[in-house]
Amino acid sequence: MLELNTPINNLTNVISINLALGANQGRGRLFVPRPTLMGQVTTEGSNHGSRPSGASVSFDTLDNLVKSLGIDQVSAIKVDVEGAELAVIRGAEKTISKFGPRLVIEVHGNDNLTSLRHVMKSMNMRVVFEVPASPRRDETRVFVFAVPFHFMGPASPGIRARKVLGINFNAARLRITGPHSAHIFE
């Protein structure tokens, strides 16, 4: 899809790389549970009775990729990897430390969320706010927005969120209704 959408949108600074990101370099297998309507891929076969199809892929770290491509600026990183968030972040520690990018991470599961909060703190990153991403009560998916500690000033969390993430936080909150609410951290 990326390769099809790039010319349609006249994008000239996009490259497509056939590579999975993780905590280490190597080879592994990705599985797509079937039947599914979601864009879900996992490194583990499903135990829910579906027949997963799989593909052997190369894994590398974001740190290695940034270095090998000679990238000299990273201002934002978005991670949506269906449960492998911690592996990708651990493979990006040098990049995050060097460039201090804004992070948007879709986190799956309460254990991953708790672990990610600790990892962010250990990397001098601050979770600015979390937004539930799933209407299902049996599923925990949360979008986590994080920035380097030095981005934060004495302003209120909402003002800081608008400033450092470059978004209209009030508009984002208006779209979140019912059991969904944004959690802002001081």
Protein backbone atom coordinates (compact mmCIF):
# COMPACT_ATOMS: atom_id res chain seq x y z
CA MET A 1 0.00 0.00 0.00
CA LEU A 2 2.81 2.39 0.83
CA GLU A 3 4.38 1.87 -2.58
CA LEU A 4 1.02 2.51 -4.28
CA ASN A 5 0.12 5.58 -2.19
CA THR A 6 3.51 7.31 -2.43
CA PRO A 7 3.25 8.38 -6.11
CA ILE A 8 -0.50 9.04 -5.86
CA ASN A 9 0.22 11.62 -3.14
CA ASN A 10 3.33 13.00 -4.89
CA LEU A 11 5.58 12.04 -1.97
CA THR A 12 9.26 12.16 -2.82
CA ASN A 13 10.88 11.59 0.57
CA VAL A 14 9.43 8.12 1.29
CA ILE A 15 11.27 4.85 0.91
CA SER A 16 9.76 1.40 1.39
CA ILE A 17 11.94 -1.12 3.21
CA ASN A 18 10.94 -4.78 3.41
CA LEU A 19 12.05 -5.29 7.02
CA ALA A 20 10.47 -5.96 10.42
CA LEU A 21 11.69 -3.89 13.36
CA GLY A 22 12.49 -5.43 16.72
CA ALA A 23 15.00 -5.50 19.56
CA ASN A 24 17.65 -7.44 17.61
CA GLN A 25 18.91 -8.29 14.16
CA GLY A 26 17.97 -11.69 12.75
CA ARG A 27 15.29 -13.70 11.02
CA GLY A 28 11.88 -14.64 12.31
CA ARG A 29 8.36 -15.48 11.31
CA LEU A 30 5.33 -13.20 11.27
CA PHE A 31 1.84 -14.67 11.40
CA VAL A 32 -1.46 -13.26 10.16
CA PRO A 33 -4.40 -14.83 12.04
CA ARG A 34 -7.24 -15.87 9.73
CA PRO A 35 -10.01 -14.96 9.40
CA THR A 36 -9.40 -11.35 10.35
CA LEU A 37 -10.65 -7.98 9.24
CA MET A 38 -7.90 -6.19 11.11
CA GLY A 39 -4.36 -5.51 9.96
CA GLN A 40 -2.99 -7.79 12.65
CA VAL A 41 0.38 -9.48 12.47
CA THR A 42 2.10 -11.27 15.33
CA THR A 43 5.35 -13.10 16.00
CA GLU A 44 3.38 -15.94 17.65
CA GLY A 45 0.85 -18.32 16.11
CA SER A 46 -2.75 -17.84 17.23
CA ASN A 47 -4.31 -20.12 19.81
CA HIS A 48 -7.85 -18.96 19.04
CA GLY A 49 -8.69 -21.69 16.54
CA SER A 50 -7.81 -19.63 13.48
CA ARG A 51 -5.29 -20.85 10.96
CA PRO A 52 -2.51 -18.31 10.75
CA SER A 53 -0.58 -17.78 7.57
CA GLY A 54 3.03 -16.86 8.06
CA ALA A 55 6.03 -15.39 6.33
CA SER A 56 9.72 -15.56 7.12
CA VAL A 57 11.12 -12.05 7.51
CA SER A 58 14.31 -10.23 8.37
CA PHE A 59 14.36 -8.26 11.62
CA ASP A 60 16.59 -5.35 12.51
CA THR A 61 16.61 -2.50 14.99
CA LEU A 62 15.55 1.03 14.24
CA ASP A 63 18.96 2.11 15.56
CA ASN A 64 20.71 0.03 12.87
CA LEU A 65 18.34 1.27 10.17
CA VAL A 66 18.82 4.95 11.07
CA LYS A 67 22.60 4.48 11.10
CA SER A 68 22.78 2.51 7.82
CA LEU A 69 20.60 5.05 5.98
CA GLY A 70 22.62 7.99 7.34
CA ILE A 71 19.53 9.64 8.81
CA ASP A 72 20.58 12.79 10.66
CA GLN A 73 17.23 13.86 12.10
CA VAL A 74 14.30 11.97 13.63
CA SER A 75 11.52 14.19 14.96
CA ALA A 76 8.73 11.63 15.42
CA ILE A 77 8.29 7.87 15.64
CA LYS A 78 4.95 6.06 15.36
CA VAL A 79 4.83 2.45 16.51
CA ASP A 80 1.85 0.18 15.73
CA VAL A 81 3.16 -3.38 15.84
CA GLU A 82 0.39 -5.46 17.44
CA GLY A 83 2.07 -6.32 20.75
CA ALA A 84 5.76 -6.00 19.82
CA GLU A 85 5.99 -2.38 21.01
CA LEU A 86 8.63 -2.99 23.68
CA ALA A 87 10.89 -4.86 21.26
CA VAL A 88 10.75 -2.01 18.73
CA ILE A 89 11.39 0.64 21.42
CA ARG A 90 14.32 -1.35 22.85
CA GLY A 91 15.77 -1.51 19.35
CA ALA A 92 15.40 2.27 19.05
CA GLU A 93 17.01 3.37 22.34
CA LYS A 94 20.03 5.06 20.71
CA THR A 95 17.84 6.85 18.16
CA ILE A 96 15.46 8.07 20.86
CA SER A 97 18.34 9.15 23.11
CA LYS A 98 20.18 10.97 20.30
CA PHE A 99 17.27 12.73 18.58
CA GLY A 100 14.61 13.02 21.32
CA PRO A 101 11.67 12.43 18.96
CA ARG A 102 8.00 12.63 19.82
CA LEU A 103 6.58 9.13 20.18
CA VAL A 104 3.12 7.80 19.36
CA ILE A 105 2.83 4.15 20.33
CA GLU A 106 -0.20 1.87 20.12
CA VAL A 107 0.22 -0.45 23.10
CA HIS A 108 -1.54 -3.82 23.39
CA GLY A 109 -2.25 -5.22 26.87
CA ASN A 110 -1.96 -3.87 30.40
CA ASP A 111 1.36 -5.62 31.04
CA ASN A 112 2.91 -4.02 27.96
CA LEU A 113 1.50 -0.63 29.00
CA THR A 114 3.01 -0.89 32.49
CA SER A 115 6.36 -2.04 31.08
CA LEU A 116 6.35 0.71 28.45
CA ARG A 117 5.81 3.38 31.12
CA HIS A 118 8.90 2.11 32.97
CA VAL A 119 10.97 1.93 29.78
CA MET A 120 9.94 5.49 28.83
CA LYS A 121 11.00 6.79 32.24
CA SER A 122 14.35 4.96 32.05
CA MET A 123 14.94 6.60 28.64
CA ASN A 124 14.18 10.10 30.02
CA MET A 125 10.93 10.17 28.08
CA ARG A 126 7.71 11.39 29.62
CA VAL A 127 4.30 9.94 28.84
CA VAL A 128 2.21 13.05 28.22
CA PHE A 129 -1.12 11.29 27.81
CA GLU A 130 -2.80 8.02 26.92
CA VAL A 131 -5.92 7.57 24.82
CA PRO A 132 -7.86 4.27 24.73
CA ALA A 133 -7.91 2.96 21.17
CA SER A 134 -10.45 0.15 21.38
CA PRO A 135 -14.17 0.24 22.17
CA ARG A 136 -14.03 -3.42 23.23
CA ARG A 137 -13.93 -4.04 26.97
CA ASP A 138 -12.10 -7.36 26.47
CA GLU A 139 -9.21 -5.70 24.66
CA THR A 140 -6.68 -3.22 25.96
CA ARG A 141 -5.24 -0.99 23.25
CA VAL A 142 -3.99 2.44 24.21
CA PHE A 143 -2.28 5.16 22.21
CA VAL A 144 0.62 6.51 24.27
CA PHE A 145 2.11 9.92 23.48
CA ALA A 146 5.59 10.53 24.90
CA VAL A 147 8.23 13.24 24.64
CA PRO A 148 11.68 13.84 26.15
CA PHE A 149 11.59 15.27 29.69
CA HIS A 150 13.36 18.44 28.51
CA PHE A 151 10.37 19.29 26.26
CA MET A 152 8.18 19.80 29.29
CA GLY A 153 7.76 23.19 30.88
CA PRO A 154 5.72 24.55 33.79
CA ALA A 155 2.51 24.85 31.71
CA SER A 156 -0.58 22.71 32.25
CA PRO A 157 -0.61 19.21 30.70
CA GLY A 158 -3.10 20.24 27.99
CA ILE A 159 -0.97 23.21 26.91
CA ARG A 160 2.18 21.07 26.98
CA ALA A 161 0.46 18.40 24.87
CA ARG A 162 -0.54 20.95 22.23
CA LYS A 163 2.94 22.46 22.22
CA VAL A 164 5.12 19.36 22.10
CA LEU A 165 2.90 17.10 20.02
CA GLY A 166 1.71 19.80 17.65
CA ILE A 167 -1.96 18.84 17.96
CA ASN A 168 -5.19 20.48 18.99
CA PHE A 169 -5.65 18.56 22.22
CA ASN A 170 -9.11 20.01 22.93
CA ALA A 171 -10.35 18.81 19.53
CA ALA A 172 -8.89 15.36 20.23
CA ARG A 173 -10.75 15.18 23.56
CA LEU A 174 -14.04 16.17 21.94
CA ARG A 175 -13.87 13.13 19.66
CA ILE A 176 -13.33 10.78 22.59
CA THR A 177 -16.69 9.98 24.17
CA GLY A 178 -18.31 7.41 26.40
CA PRO A 179 -15.89 5.09 28.19
CA HIS A 180 -12.98 6.61 26.25
CA SER A 181 -11.10 9.44 27.88
CA ALA A 182 -7.65 10.90 27.59
CA HIS A 183 -5.43 10.38 30.61
CA ILE A 184 -3.05 13.29 31.15
CA PHE A 185 0.01 12.88 33.34
CA GLU A 186 1.64 15.62 35.43
